[in-house]
Amino acid sequence: MASTEPTPDPRADALQALDTARRRREKAEREEEAAVVRAREAGASWARIGAVYGLTKQGAQQRFKRPAEPAPTTPSAGDRDDS
């Protein structure tokens, strides 16, 4: 008698495992970013945060510091389109 169970698809299984790993990594990155924010709010220096990762102060800042909002720009007189 033949089995009615579907044949395992190793490709689908591997892709599912890859997707699961991606979602876990993204969650871990969000948790890590939140922990850095909490540490900074609690007074931890960038040097201390860097030490946790084996980085310098500058390395920690480059890895975790959010980019500053760009300053608003206003067109100069030469940039205006008065046509």
C-alpha atoms as a PDB file:
ATOM      1  CA  MET A   1       0.000   0.000   0.000  1.00  0.00           C
ATOM      2  CA  ALA A   2       1.370   3.442  -0.961  1.00  0.00           C
ATOM      3  CA  SER A   3       1.886   6.173   1.637  1.00  0.00           C
ATOM      4  CA  THR A   4      -0.141   9.353   1.242  1.00  0.00           C
ATOM      5  CA  GLU A   5       2.395  11.512   3.085  1.00  0.00           C
ATOM      6  CA  PRO A   6       4.033  14.158   0.915  1.00  0.00           C
ATOM      7  CA  THR A   7       7.659  13.652  -0.006  1.00  0.00           C
ATOM      8  CA  PRO A   8       9.959  15.940   1.994  1.00  0.00           C
ATOM      9  CA  ASP A   9      11.346  18.809  -0.060  1.00  0.00           C
ATOM     10  CA  PRO A  10      14.881  19.522   1.145  1.00  0.00           C
ATOM     11  CA  ARG A  11      14.941  22.834  -0.739  1.00  0.00           C
ATOM     12  CA  ALA A  12      11.753  24.072   0.928  1.00  0.00           C
ATOM     13  CA  ASP A  13      13.032  22.906   4.323  1.00  0.00           C
ATOM     14  CA  ALA A  14      16.322  24.740   3.812  1.00  0.00           C
ATOM     15  CA  LEU A  15      14.569  27.925   2.708  1.00  0.00           C
ATOM     16  CA  GLN A  16      12.254  27.744   5.712  1.00  0.00           C
ATOM     17  CA  ALA A  17      15.252  27.366   8.021  1.00  0.00           C
ATOM     18  CA  LEU A  18      16.914  30.336   6.316  1.00  0.00           C
ATOM     19  CA  ASP A  19      13.802  32.491   6.772  1.00  0.00           C
ATOM     20  CA  THR A  20      13.558  31.487  10.435  1.00  0.00           C
ATOM     21  CA  ALA A  21      17.212  32.420  10.977  1.00  0.00           C
ATOM     22  CA  ARG A  22      16.677  35.788   9.252  1.00  0.00           C
ATOM     23  CA  ARG A  23      13.688  36.620  11.460  1.00  0.00           C
ATOM     24  CA  ARG A  24      15.625  35.648  14.608  1.00  0.00           C
ATOM     25  CA  ARG A  25      18.599  37.794  13.549  1.00  0.00           C
ATOM     26  CA  GLU A  26      16.353  40.801  12.866  1.00  0.00           C
ATOM     27  CA  LYS A  27      14.725  40.385  16.285  1.00  0.00           C
ATOM     28  CA  ALA A  28      18.130  40.092  17.970  1.00  0.00           C
ATOM     29  CA  GLU A  29      19.321  43.251  16.190  1.00  0.00           C
ATOM     30  CA  ARG A  30      16.275  45.188  17.437  1.00  0.00           C
ATOM     31  CA  GLU A  31      16.896  43.915  20.980  1.00  0.00           C
ATOM     32  CA  GLU A  32      20.570  44.842  20.733  1.00  0.00           C
ATOM     33  CA  GLU A  33      19.766  48.364  19.534  1.00  0.00           C
ATOM     34  CA  ALA A  34      17.278  48.814  22.384  1.00  0.00           C
ATOM     35  CA  ALA A  35      19.877  47.584  24.892  1.00  0.00           C
ATOM     36  CA  VAL A  36      22.417  50.097  23.588  1.00  0.00           C
ATOM     37  CA  VAL A  37      19.853  52.904  23.911  1.00  0.00           C
ATOM     38  CA  ARG A  38      19.099  51.796  27.496  1.00  0.00           C
ATOM     39  CA  ALA A  39      22.799  51.647  28.320  1.00  0.00           C
ATOM     40  CA  ARG A  40      23.374  55.146  26.946  1.00  0.00           C
ATOM     41  CA  GLU A  41      20.324  56.499  28.787  1.00  0.00           C
ATOM     42  CA  ALA A  42      21.696  54.915  31.975  1.00  0.00           C
ATOM     43  CA  GLY A  43      24.963  56.797  31.488  1.00  0.00           C
ATOM     44  CA  ALA A  44      27.187  54.170  29.889  1.00  0.00           C
ATOM     45  CA  SER A  45      29.926  55.713  27.774  1.00  0.00           C
ATOM     46  CA  TRP A  46      30.607  54.716  24.199  1.00  0.00           C
ATOM     47  CA  ALA A  47      33.967  53.414  25.423  1.00  0.00           C
ATOM     48  CA  ARG A  48      32.249  51.011  27.873  1.00  0.00           C
ATOM     49  CA  ILE A  49      29.761  49.874  25.221  1.00  0.00           C
ATOM     50  CA  GLY A  50      32.628  49.365  22.786  1.00  0.00           C
ATOM     51  CA  ALA A  51      34.494  47.265  25.351  1.00  0.00           C
ATOM     52  CA  VAL A  52      31.572  44.808  25.443  1.00  0.00           C
ATOM     53  CA  TYR A  53      32.098  44.211  21.711  1.00  0.00           C
ATOM     54  CA  GLY A  54      35.881  44.462  21.640  1.00  0.00           C
ATOM     55  CA  LEU A  55      35.569  47.798  19.853  1.00  0.00           C
ATOM     56  CA  THR A  56      36.983  51.225  20.476  1.00  0.00           C
ATOM     57  CA  LYS A  57      34.739  54.116  21.468  1.00  0.00           C
ATOM     58  CA  GLN A  58      34.723  55.216  17.839  1.00  0.00           C
ATOM     59  CA  GLY A  59      33.931  51.705  16.640  1.00  0.00           C
ATOM     60  CA  ALA A  60      30.928  51.492  18.944  1.00  0.00           C
ATOM     61  CA  GLN A  61      29.687  54.878  17.804  1.00  0.00           C
ATOM     62  CA  GLN A  62      30.012  53.895  14.160  1.00  0.00           C
ATOM     63  CA  ARG A  63      28.186  50.639  14.763  1.00  0.00           C
ATOM     64  CA  PHE A  64      25.329  51.898  16.918  1.00  0.00           C
ATOM     65  CA  LYS A  65      24.949  55.654  16.765  1.00  0.00           C
ATOM     66  CA  ARG A  66      21.971  56.700  14.738  1.00  0.00           C
ATOM     67  CA  PRO A  67      22.684  59.201  11.990  1.00  0.00           C
ATOM     68  CA  ALA A  68      21.687  62.746  12.844  1.00  0.00           C
ATOM     69  CA  GLU A  69      18.694  64.221  11.116  1.00  0.00           C
ATOM     70  CA  PRO A  70      19.845  66.205   8.084  1.00  0.00           C
ATOM     71  CA  ALA A  71      19.575  69.939   8.561  1.00  0.00           C
ATOM     72  CA  PRO A  72      16.817  71.533   6.518  1.00  0.00           C
ATOM     73  CA  THR A  73      18.157  73.365   3.540  1.00  0.00           C
ATOM     74  CA  THR A  74      16.826  76.551   2.053  1.00  0.00           C
ATOM     75  CA  PRO A  75      17.586  77.469  -1.512  1.00  0.00           C
ATOM     76  CA  SER A  76      20.060  80.304  -1.954  1.00  0.00           C
ATOM     77  CA  ALA A  77      19.269  83.217  -4.234  1.00  0.00           C
ATOM     78  CA  GLY A  78      21.233  81.594  -7.068  1.00  0.00           C
ATOM     79  CA  ASP A  79      19.280  78.339  -6.735  1.00  0.00           C
ATOM     80  CA  ARG A  80      15.804  79.807  -7.108  1.00  0.00           C
ATOM     81  CA  ASP A  81      13.840  79.107 -10.228  1.00  0.00           C
ATOM     82  CA  ASP A  82      12.073  82.392 -10.881  1.00  0.00           C
ATOM     83  CA  SER A  83      10.996  81.561 -14.418  1.00  0.00           C
END
